[in-house]
Every structure is written in C-alpha cells, then in structure tokens.
Amino acid sequence: MKQLVETLVKRGYPIEAAEQTAVNLQKMTPELKEALDIWLTKFTMPIIEAEGYSTDGLMSRFKGMTYPAALLTLDWLIREPIKAKQIIKKGIR
C-alpha cells in the first residue's frame, strides 16, 4: 500500500488523493488489478473494457482523467452498471 501511494504521488497525485485512490485501487476486481500492476511496473496502459467503456475512451472523453481513475471507473461500471452509466452519460467531475 505504501509503495502504491508513493508511486501515485510520483506520478502527480496529491498525497491525500493518492492515499484514498490507493485504498480504492486495492478493492478492484482481479482483471483490473492486473492492468494496474502493468501500469505500475511498465508504465504502459493496457486498454481494458467494461460495459461498453474503455480506459482509453474514458481518458479521452474526460480530459485530465488518469489511468488509475479510468480503472476505478471501470470497476464502478462492473459493480453498479446502471448507476455508473447514468452518471457517466451526464459527465464525471
């Protein structure tokens, strides 16, 4: 967990956001955790899809969205597809 927070901070996250993001990232589904591990170790961003959305599509649509945030959004889509799709269509803040 500490290493994940440190990596997020090195990649531009404020410390408080890095801590909360790290907690949420630890709870993701296994497929998404694999993509996160690749991003952490190789700094490549595998394209992952869920419920008609993809990591690259989300980051393109929502300027400034980071790869970890896109993964968390996909995780939300997997867990609560109806609610997540409604809010994504309106626009994520």
PDB file of N, CA and C in Angstrom:
ATOM      1  N   MET A   1       0.826  -1.186   0.000  1.00  0.00           N
ATOM      2  CA  MET A   1       0.000   0.000   0.000  1.00  0.00           C
ATOM      3  C   MET A   1       0.872   1.252   0.000  1.00  0.00           C
ATOM      4  N   LYS A   2       1.887   1.250   0.835  1.00  0.00           N
ATOM      5  CA  LYS A   2       2.781   2.410   0.918  1.00  0.00           C
ATOM      6  C   LYS A   2       3.454   2.666  -0.433  1.00  0.00           C
ATOM      7  N   GLN A   3       3.898   1.607  -1.076  1.00  0.00           N
ATOM      8  CA  GLN A   3       4.560   1.742  -2.372  1.00  0.00           C
ATOM      9  C   GLN A   3       3.593   2.288  -3.422  1.00  0.00           C
ATOM     10  N   LEU A   4       2.354   1.848  -3.383  1.00  0.00           N
ATOM     11  CA  LEU A   4       1.353   2.335  -4.322  1.00  0.00           C
ATOM     12  C   LEU A   4       1.116   3.826  -4.121  1.00  0.00           C
ATOM     13  N   VAL A   5       0.985   4.257  -2.881  1.00  0.00           N
ATOM     14  CA  VAL A   5       0.800   5.681  -2.586  1.00  0.00           C
ATOM     15  C   VAL A   5       1.997   6.476  -3.094  1.00  0.00           C
ATOM     16  N   GLU A   6       3.191   5.996  -2.820  1.00  0.00           N
ATOM     17  CA  GLU A   6       4.398   6.693  -3.270  1.00  0.00           C
ATOM     18  C   GLU A   6       4.443   6.806  -4.788  1.00  0.00           C
ATOM     19  N   THR A   7       4.065   5.752  -5.478  1.00  0.00           N
ATOM     20  CA  THR A   7       4.063   5.777  -6.940  1.00  0.00           C
ATOM     21  C   THR A   7       3.033   6.770  -7.456  1.00  0.00           C
ATOM     22  N   LEU A   8       1.858   6.790  -6.867  1.00  0.00           N
ATOM     23  CA  LEU A   8       0.834   7.736  -7.286  1.00  0.00           C
ATOM     24  C   LEU A   8       1.292   9.180  -7.068  1.00  0.00           C
ATOM     25  N   VAL A   9       1.938   9.437  -5.951  1.00  0.00           N
ATOM     26  CA  VAL A   9       2.454  10.784  -5.673  1.00  0.00           C
ATOM     27  C   VAL A   9       3.520  11.155  -6.704  1.00  0.00           C
ATOM     28  N   LYS A  10       4.416  10.231  -7.005  1.00  0.00           N
ATOM     29  CA  LYS A  10       5.450  10.493  -8.013  1.00  0.00           C
ATOM     30  C   LYS A  10       4.851  10.795  -9.376  1.00  0.00           C
ATOM     31  N   ARG A  11       3.668  10.265  -9.625  1.00  0.00           N
ATOM     32  CA  ARG A  11       3.010  10.457 -10.929  1.00  0.00           C
ATOM     33  C   ARG A  11       1.970  11.571 -10.896  1.00  0.00           C
ATOM     34  N   GLY A  12       2.070  12.430  -9.880  1.00  0.00           N
ATOM     35  CA  GLY A  12       1.281  13.657  -9.890  1.00  0.00           C
ATOM     36  C   GLY A  12       0.100  13.759  -8.953  1.00  0.00           C
ATOM     37  N   TYR A  13      -0.193  12.726  -8.195  1.00  0.00           N
ATOM     38  CA  TYR A  13      -1.319  12.789  -7.269  1.00  0.00           C
ATOM     39  C   TYR A  13      -0.919  13.550  -6.005  1.00  0.00           C
ATOM     40  N   PRO A  14      -1.782  14.415  -5.473  1.00  0.00           N
ATOM     41  CA  PRO A  14      -1.546  14.979  -4.140  1.00  0.00           C
ATOM     42  C   PRO A  14      -1.601  13.833  -3.125  1.00  0.00           C
ATOM     43  N   ILE A  15      -0.910  13.939  -2.030  1.00  0.00           N
ATOM     44  CA  ILE A  15      -0.786  12.858  -1.062  1.00  0.00           C
ATOM     45  C   ILE A  15      -2.144  12.331  -0.586  1.00  0.00           C
ATOM     46  N   GLU A  16      -3.071  13.243  -0.252  1.00  0.00           N
ATOM     47  CA  GLU A  16      -4.375  12.804   0.251  1.00  0.00           C
ATOM     48  C   GLU A  16      -5.131  12.022  -0.821  1.00  0.00           C
ATOM     49  N   ALA A  17      -5.095  12.502  -2.045  1.00  0.00           N
ATOM     50  CA  ALA A  17      -5.773  11.814  -3.152  1.00  0.00           C
ATOM     51  C   ALA A  17      -5.098  10.468  -3.419  1.00  0.00           C
ATOM     52  N   ALA A  18      -3.781  10.428  -3.314  1.00  0.00           N
ATOM     53  CA  ALA A  18      -3.046   9.180  -3.536  1.00  0.00           C
ATOM     54  C   ALA A  18      -3.434   8.139  -2.493  1.00  0.00           C
ATOM     55  N   GLU A  19      -3.571   8.555  -1.251  1.00  0.00           N
ATOM     56  CA  GLU A  19      -3.937   7.624  -0.187  1.00  0.00           C
ATOM     57  C   GLU A  19      -5.332   7.040  -0.419  1.00  0.00           C
ATOM     58  N   GLN A  20      -6.304   7.895  -0.752  1.00  0.00           N
ATOM     59  CA  GLN A  20      -7.668   7.423  -0.979  1.00  0.00           C
ATOM     60  C   GLN A  20      -7.738   6.578  -2.242  1.00  0.00           C
ATOM     61  N   THR A  21      -7.047   6.999  -3.276  1.00  0.00           N
ATOM     62  CA  THR A  21      -7.038   6.241  -4.531  1.00  0.00           C
ATOM     63  C   THR A  21      -6.426   4.866  -4.314  1.00  0.00           C
ATOM     64  N   ALA A  22      -5.357   4.800  -3.551  1.00  0.00           N
ATOM     65  CA  ALA A  22      -4.703   3.512  -3.275  1.00  0.00           C
ATOM     66  C   ALA A  22      -5.651   2.557  -2.564  1.00  0.00           C
ATOM     67  N   VAL A  23      -6.411   3.062  -1.615  1.00  0.00           N
ATOM     68  CA  VAL A  23      -7.390   2.226  -0.910  1.00  0.00           C
ATOM     69  C   VAL A  23      -8.403   1.667  -1.905  1.00  0.00           C
ATOM     70  N   ASN A  24      -8.917   2.515  -2.776  1.00  0.00           N
ATOM     71  CA  ASN A  24      -9.911   2.082  -3.754  1.00  0.00           C
ATOM     72  C   ASN A  24      -9.316   1.126  -4.780  1.00  0.00           C
ATOM     73  N   LEU A  25      -8.090   1.375  -5.200  1.00  0.00           N
ATOM     74  CA  LEU A  25      -7.442   0.502  -6.178  1.00  0.00           C
ATOM     75  C   LEU A  25      -7.242  -0.912  -5.619  1.00  0.00           C
ATOM     76  N   GLN A  26      -7.002  -1.015  -4.340  1.00  0.00           N
ATOM     77  CA  GLN A  26      -6.797  -2.316  -3.715  1.00  0.00           C
ATOM     78  C   GLN A  26      -8.067  -3.166  -3.727  1.00  0.00           C
ATOM     79  N   LYS A  27      -9.222  -2.533  -3.868  1.00  0.00           N
ATOM     80  CA  LYS A  27     -10.508  -3.238  -3.828  1.00  0.00           C
ATOM     81  C   LYS A  27     -11.020  -3.631  -5.217  1.00  0.00           C
ATOM     82  N   MET A  28     -10.289  -3.296  -6.267  1.00  0.00           N
ATOM     83  CA  MET A  28     -10.751  -3.557  -7.632  1.00  0.00           C
ATOM     84  C   MET A  28     -10.808  -5.040  -7.958  1.00  0.00           C
ATOM     85  N   THR A  29     -11.544  -5.352  -9.014  1.00  0.00           N
ATOM     86  CA  THR A  29     -11.629  -6.731  -9.495  1.00  0.00           C
ATOM     87  C   THR A  29     -10.249  -7.185  -9.986  1.00  0.00           C
ATOM     88  N   PRO A  30      -9.982  -8.487  -9.970  1.00  0.00           N
ATOM     89  CA  PRO A  30      -8.654  -9.003 -10.335  1.00  0.00           C
ATOM     90  C   PRO A  30      -8.162  -8.580 -11.730  1.00  0.00           C
ATOM     91  N   GLU A  31      -9.028  -8.599 -12.724  1.00  0.00           N
ATOM     92  CA  GLU A  31      -8.610  -8.204 -14.080  1.00  0.00           C
ATOM     93  C   GLU A  31      -8.095  -6.761 -14.096  1.00  0.00           C
ATOM     94  N   LEU A  32      -8.763  -5.908 -13.378  1.00  0.00           N
ATOM     95  CA  LEU A  32      -8.352  -4.504 -13.331  1.00  0.00           C
ATOM     96  C   LEU A  32      -7.067  -4.341 -12.526  1.00  0.00           C
ATOM     97  N   LYS A  33      -6.900  -5.150 -11.490  1.00  0.00           N
ATOM     98  CA  LYS A  33      -5.660  -5.104 -10.714  1.00  0.00           C
ATOM     99  C   LYS A  33      -4.466  -5.508 -11.572  1.00  0.00           C
ATOM    100  N   GLU A  34      -4.675  -6.456 -12.468  1.00  0.00           N
ATOM    101  CA  GLU A  34      -3.592  -6.860 -13.374  1.00  0.00           C
ATOM    102  C   GLU A  34      -3.170  -5.683 -14.259  1.00  0.00           C
ATOM    103  N   ALA A  35      -4.134  -4.949 -14.778  1.00  0.00           N
ATOM    104  CA  ALA A  35      -3.834  -3.787 -15.609  1.00  0.00           C
ATOM    105  C   ALA A  35      -3.104  -2.723 -14.785  1.00  0.00           C
ATOM    106  N   LEU A  36      -3.518  -2.537 -13.551  1.00  0.00           N
ATOM    107  CA  LEU A  36      -2.842  -1.580 -12.666  1.00  0.00           C
ATOM    108  C   LEU A  36      -1.399  -1.991 -12.435  1.00  0.00           C
ATOM    109  N   ASP A  37      -1.172  -3.264 -12.200  1.00  0.00           N
ATOM    110  CA  ASP A  37       0.190  -3.755 -11.976  1.00  0.00           C
ATOM    111  C   ASP A  37       1.081  -3.477 -13.189  1.00  0.00           C
ATOM    112  N   ILE A  38       0.542  -3.649 -14.384  1.00  0.00           N
ATOM    113  CA  ILE A  38       1.309  -3.355 -15.594  1.00  0.00           C
ATOM    114  C   ILE A  38       1.632  -1.863 -15.655  1.00  0.00           C
ATOM    115  N   TRP A  39       0.651  -1.026 -15.344  1.00  0.00           N
ATOM    116  CA  TRP A  39       0.872   0.426 -15.343  1.00  0.00           C
ATOM    117  C   TRP A  39       1.939   0.811 -14.311  1.00  0.00           C
ATOM    118  N   LEU A  40       1.893   0.172 -13.154  1.00  0.00           N
ATOM    119  CA  LEU A  40       2.851   0.495 -12.094  1.00  0.00           C
ATOM    120  C   LEU A  40       4.270   0.054 -12.434  1.00  0.00           C
ATOM    121  N   THR A  41       4.408  -1.097 -13.067  1.00  0.00           N
ATOM    122  CA  THR A  41       5.744  -1.643 -13.306  1.00  0.00           C
ATOM    123  C   THR A  41       6.335  -1.243 -14.652  1.00  0.00           C
ATOM    124  N   LYS A  42       5.483  -1.103 -15.660  1.00  0.00           N
ATOM    125  CA  LYS A  42       5.998  -0.806 -17.003  1.00  0.00           C
ATOM    126  C   LYS A  42       5.558   0.550 -17.528  1.00  0.00           C
ATOM    127  N   PHE A  43       4.695   1.213 -16.814  1.00  0.00           N
ATOM    128  CA  PHE A  43       4.088   2.489 -17.183  1.00  0.00           C
ATOM    129  C   PHE A  43       3.473   2.454 -18.581  1.00  0.00           C
ATOM    130  N   THR A  44       2.948   1.282 -18.930  1.00  0.00           N
ATOM    131  CA  THR A  44       2.117   1.170 -20.118  1.00  0.00           C
ATOM    132  C   THR A  44       0.676   1.048 -19.641  1.00  0.00           C
ATOM    133  N   MET A  45      -0.240   1.411 -20.501  1.00  0.00           N
ATOM    134  CA  MET A  45      -1.643   1.445 -20.112  1.00  0.00           C
ATOM    135  C   MET A  45      -2.451   0.470 -20.956  1.00  0.00           C
ATOM    136  N   PRO A  46      -2.572  -0.769 -20.493  1.00  0.00           N
ATOM    137  CA  PRO A  46      -3.386  -1.726 -21.241  1.00  0.00           C
ATOM    138  C   PRO A  46      -4.815  -1.209 -21.387  1.00  0.00           C
ATOM    139  N   ILE A  47      -5.388  -1.404 -22.549  1.00  0.00           N
ATOM    140  CA  ILE A  47      -6.765  -0.981 -22.763  1.00  0.00           C
ATOM    141  C   ILE A  47      -7.684  -2.069 -22.219  1.00  0.00           C
ATOM    142  N   ILE A  48      -8.486  -1.686 -21.264  1.00  0.00           N
ATOM    143  CA  ILE A  48      -9.432  -2.590 -20.614  1.00  0.00           C
ATOM    144  C   ILE A  48     -10.832  -2.047 -20.898  1.00  0.00           C
ATOM    145  N   GLU A  49     -11.787  -2.931 -21.077  1.00  0.00           N
ATOM    146  CA  GLU A  49     -13.156  -2.527 -21.368  1.00  0.00           C
ATOM    147  C   GLU A  49     -14.139  -3.162 -20.392  1.00  0.00           C
ATOM    148  N   ALA A  50     -15.209  -2.415 -20.133  1.00  0.00           N
ATOM    149  CA  ALA A  50     -16.313  -2.923 -19.315  1.00  0.00           C
ATOM    150  C   ALA A  50     -17.564  -2.135 -19.647  1.00  0.00           C
ATOM    151  N   GLU A  51     -18.654  -2.839 -19.845  1.00  0.00           N
ATOM    152  CA  GLU A  51     -19.962  -2.216 -20.059  1.00  0.00           C
ATOM    153  C   GLU A  51     -19.961  -1.176 -21.190  1.00  0.00           C
ATOM    154  N   GLY A  52     -19.174  -1.426 -22.226  1.00  0.00           N
ATOM    155  CA  GLY A  52     -19.150  -0.525 -23.378  1.00  0.00           C
ATOM    156  C   GLY A  52     -18.208   0.657 -23.238  1.00  0.00           C
ATOM    157  N   TYR A  53     -17.454   0.718 -22.175  1.00  0.00           N
ATOM    158  CA  TYR A  53     -16.480   1.798 -21.950  1.00  0.00           C
ATOM    159  C   TYR A  53     -15.089   1.187 -21.877  1.00  0.00           C
ATOM    160  N   SER A  54     -14.091   1.997 -22.203  1.00  0.00           N
ATOM    161  CA  SER A  54     -12.703   1.530 -22.128  1.00  0.00           C
ATOM    162  C   SER A  54     -11.858   2.576 -21.410  1.00  0.00           C
ATOM    163  N   THR A  55     -10.706   2.129 -20.941  1.00  0.00           N
ATOM    164  CA  THR A  55      -9.805   3.052 -20.252  1.00  0.00           C
ATOM    165  C   THR A  55      -9.417   4.212 -21.158  1.00  0.00           C
ATOM    166  N   ASP A  56      -9.006   3.916 -22.384  1.00  0.00           N
ATOM    167  CA  ASP A  56      -8.582   4.998 -23.273  1.00  0.00           C
ATOM    168  C   ASP A  56      -9.750   5.889 -23.674  1.00  0.00           C
ATOM    169  N   GLY A  57     -10.936   5.309 -23.847  1.00  0.00           N
ATOM    170  CA  GLY A  57     -12.114   6.107 -24.176  1.00  0.00           C
ATOM    171  C   GLY A  57     -12.492   7.059 -23.048  1.00  0.00           C
ATOM    172  N   LEU A  58     -12.432   6.581 -21.818  1.00  0.00           N
ATOM    173  CA  LEU A  58     -12.742   7.434 -20.670  1.00  0.00           C
ATOM    174  C   LEU A  58     -11.727   8.564 -20.529  1.00  0.00           C
ATOM    175  N   MET A  59     -10.446   8.230 -20.685  1.00  0.00           N
ATOM    176  CA  MET A  59      -9.416   9.265 -20.545  1.00  0.00           C
ATOM    177  C   MET A  59      -9.513  10.296 -21.672  1.00  0.00           C
ATOM    178  N   SER A  60      -9.935   9.878 -22.833  1.00  0.00           N
ATOM    179  CA  SER A  60     -10.105  10.793 -23.952  1.00  0.00           C
ATOM    180  C   SER A  60     -11.325  11.690 -23.736  1.00  0.00           C
ATOM    181  N   ARG A  61     -12.400  11.097 -23.273  1.00  0.00           N
ATOM    182  CA  ARG A  61     -13.643  11.851 -23.065  1.00  0.00           C
ATOM    183  C   ARG A  61     -13.535  12.824 -21.904  1.00  0.00           C
ATOM    184  N   PHE A  62     -12.899  12.389 -20.837  1.00  0.00           N
ATOM    185  CA  PHE A  62     -12.784  13.214 -19.635  1.00  0.00           C
ATOM    186  C   PHE A  62     -11.330  13.655 -19.493  1.00  0.00           C
ATOM    187  N   LYS A  63     -11.013  14.780 -20.084  1.00  0.00           N
ATOM    188  CA  LYS A  63      -9.645  15.296 -20.082  1.00  0.00           C
ATOM    189  C   LYS A  63      -9.130  15.410 -18.651  1.00  0.00           C
ATOM    190  N   GLY A  64      -7.928  14.952 -18.450  1.00  0.00           N
ATOM    191  CA  GLY A  64      -7.327  15.001 -17.127  1.00  0.00           C
ATOM    192  C   GLY A  64      -7.550  13.737 -16.316  1.00  0.00           C
ATOM    193  N   MET A  65      -8.401  12.824 -16.812  1.00  0.00           N
ATOM    194  CA  MET A  65      -8.609  11.567 -16.087  1.00  0.00           C
ATOM    195  C   MET A  65      -7.338  10.735 -16.210  1.00  0.00           C
ATOM    196  N   THR A  66      -6.864  10.241 -15.095  1.00  0.00           N
ATOM    197  CA  THR A  66      -5.666   9.410 -15.086  1.00  0.00           C
ATOM    198  C   THR A  66      -6.029   7.956 -15.355  1.00  0.00           C
ATOM    199  N   TYR A  67      -5.024   7.168 -15.647  1.00  0.00           N
ATOM    200  CA  TYR A  67      -5.258   5.745 -15.885  1.00  0.00           C
ATOM    201  C   TYR A  67      -5.853   5.062 -14.646  1.00  0.00           C
ATOM    202  N   PRO A  68      -5.309   5.314 -13.437  1.00  0.00           N
ATOM    203  CA  PRO A  68      -5.938   4.695 -12.262  1.00  0.00           C
ATOM    204  C   PRO A  68      -7.403   5.126 -12.100  1.00  0.00           C
ATOM    205  N   ALA A  69      -7.720   6.370 -12.392  1.00  0.00           N
ATOM    206  CA  ALA A  69      -9.111   6.831 -12.290  1.00  0.00           C
ATOM    207  C   ALA A  69      -9.985   6.127 -13.317  1.00  0.00           C
ATOM    208  N   ALA A  70      -9.457   5.898 -14.507  1.00  0.00           N
ATOM    209  CA  ALA A  70     -10.211   5.160 -15.526  1.00  0.00           C
ATOM    210  C   ALA A  70     -10.464   3.722 -15.068  1.00  0.00           C
ATOM    211  N   LEU A  71      -9.464   3.109 -14.452  1.00  0.00           N
ATOM    212  CA  LEU A  71      -9.647   1.750 -13.926  1.00  0.00           C
ATOM    213  C   LEU A  71     -10.720   1.727 -12.835  1.00  0.00           C
ATOM    214  N   LEU A  72     -10.697   2.720 -11.971  1.00  0.00           N
ATOM    215  CA  LEU A  72     -11.707   2.786 -10.917  1.00  0.00           C
ATOM    216  C   LEU A  72     -13.098   3.010 -11.499  1.00  0.00           C
ATOM    217  N   THR A  73     -13.183   3.774 -12.563  1.00  0.00           N
ATOM    218  CA  THR A  73     -14.469   3.992 -13.227  1.00  0.00           C
ATOM    219  C   THR A  73     -14.976   2.689 -13.824  1.00  0.00           C
ATOM    220  N   LEU A  74     -14.087   1.924 -14.459  1.00  0.00           N
ATOM    221  CA  LEU A  74     -14.486   0.619 -14.999  1.00  0.00           C
ATOM    222  C   LEU A  74     -14.924  -0.317 -13.873  1.00  0.00           C
ATOM    223  N   ASP A  75     -14.233  -0.271 -12.761  1.00  0.00           N
ATOM    224  CA  ASP A  75     -14.606  -1.100 -11.620  1.00  0.00           C
ATOM    225  C   ASP A  75     -16.017  -0.746 -11.144  1.00  0.00           C
ATOM    226  N   TRP A  76     -16.311   0.540 -11.109  1.00  0.00           N
ATOM    227  CA  TRP A  76     -17.645   1.010 -10.736  1.00  0.00           C
ATOM    228  C   TRP A  76     -18.680   0.515 -11.747  1.00  0.00           C
ATOM    229  N   LEU A  77     -18.332   0.569 -13.026  1.00  0.00           N
ATOM    230  CA  LEU A  77     -19.231   0.066 -14.063  1.00  0.00           C
ATOM    231  C   LEU A  77     -19.522  -1.427 -13.885  1.00  0.00           C
ATOM    232  N   ILE A  78     -18.534  -2.163 -13.473  1.00  0.00           N
ATOM    233  CA  ILE A  78     -18.715  -3.597 -13.245  1.00  0.00           C
ATOM    234  C   ILE A  78     -19.618  -3.829 -12.031  1.00  0.00           C
ATOM    235  N   ARG A  79     -19.410  -3.043 -10.990  1.00  0.00           N
ATOM    236  CA  ARG A  79     -20.147  -3.250  -9.739  1.00  0.00           C
ATOM    237  C   ARG A  79     -21.567  -2.672  -9.770  1.00  0.00           C
ATOM    238  N   GLU A  80     -21.717  -1.499 -10.384  1.00  0.00           N
ATOM    239  CA  GLU A  80     -23.018  -0.818 -10.422  1.00  0.00           C
ATOM    240  C   GLU A  80     -23.274  -0.273 -11.832  1.00  0.00           C
ATOM    241  N   PRO A  81     -23.482  -1.152 -12.809  1.00  0.00           N
ATOM    242  CA  PRO A  81     -23.545  -0.699 -14.200  1.00  0.00           C
ATOM    243  C   PRO A  81     -24.632   0.324 -14.499  1.00  0.00           C
ATOM    244  N   ILE A  82     -25.809   0.156 -13.964  1.00  0.00           N
ATOM    245  CA  ILE A  82     -26.902   1.086 -14.290  1.00  0.00           C
ATOM    246  C   ILE A  82     -26.604   2.475 -13.748  1.00  0.00           C
ATOM    247  N   LYS A  83     -26.280   2.561 -12.492  1.00  0.00           N
ATOM    248  CA  LYS A  83     -25.993   3.856 -11.861  1.00  0.00           C
ATOM    249  C   LYS A  83     -24.770   4.513 -12.501  1.00  0.00           C
ATOM    250  N   ALA A  84     -23.717   3.737 -12.706  1.00  0.00           N
ATOM    251  CA  ALA A  84     -22.482   4.295 -13.268  1.00  0.00           C
ATOM    252  C   ALA A  84     -22.717   4.837 -14.681  1.00  0.00           C
ATOM    253  N   LYS A  85     -23.440   4.090 -15.506  1.00  0.00           N
ATOM    254  CA  LYS A  85     -23.701   4.552 -16.880  1.00  0.00           C
ATOM    255  C   LYS A  85     -24.498   5.844 -16.890  1.00  0.00           C
ATOM    256  N   GLN A  86     -25.473   5.965 -16.009  1.00  0.00           N
ATOM    257  CA  GLN A  86     -26.273   7.190 -15.948  1.00  0.00           C
ATOM    258  C   GLN A  86     -25.396   8.393 -15.616  1.00  0.00           C
ATOM    259  N   ILE A  87     -24.528   8.229 -14.651  1.00  0.00           N
ATOM    260  CA  ILE A  87     -23.690   9.355 -14.225  1.00  0.00           C
ATOM    261  C   ILE A  87     -22.621   9.653 -15.269  1.00  0.00           C
ATOM    262  N   ILE A  88     -22.047   8.645 -15.871  1.00  0.00           N
ATOM    263  CA  ILE A  88     -21.031   8.869 -16.908  1.00  0.00           C
ATOM    264  C   ILE A  88     -21.641   9.615 -18.085  1.00  0.00           C
ATOM    265  N   LYS A  89     -22.860   9.265 -18.463  1.00  0.00           N
ATOM    266  CA  LYS A  89     -23.524   9.967 -19.577  1.00  0.00           C
ATOM    267  C   LYS A  89     -23.715  11.436 -19.269  1.00  0.00           C
ATOM    268  N   LYS A  90     -23.972  11.769 -18.003  1.00  0.00           N
ATOM    269  CA  LYS A  90     -24.138  13.168 -17.598  1.00  0.00           C
ATOM    270  C   LYS A  90     -22.808  13.894 -17.522  1.00  0.00           C
ATOM    271  N   GLY A  91     -21.742  13.135 -17.295  1.00  0.00           N
ATOM    272  CA  GLY A  91     -20.412  13.727 -17.177  1.00  0.00           C
ATOM    273  C   GLY A  91     -19.854  13.573 -15.781  1.00  0.00           C
ATOM    274  N   ILE A  92     -18.670  13.011 -15.710  1.00  0.00           N
ATOM    275  CA  ILE A  92     -17.978  12.818 -14.431  1.00  0.00           C
ATOM    276  C   ILE A  92     -17.244  14.096 -14.075  1.00  0.00           C
ATOM    277  N   ARG A  93     -17.232  14.410 -12.805  1.00  0.00           N
ATOM    278  CA  ARG A  93     -16.491  15.604 -12.368  1.00  0.00           C
ATOM    279  C   ARG A  93     -15.253  15.213 -11.630  1.00  0.00           C
TER     280      ARG A  93
END
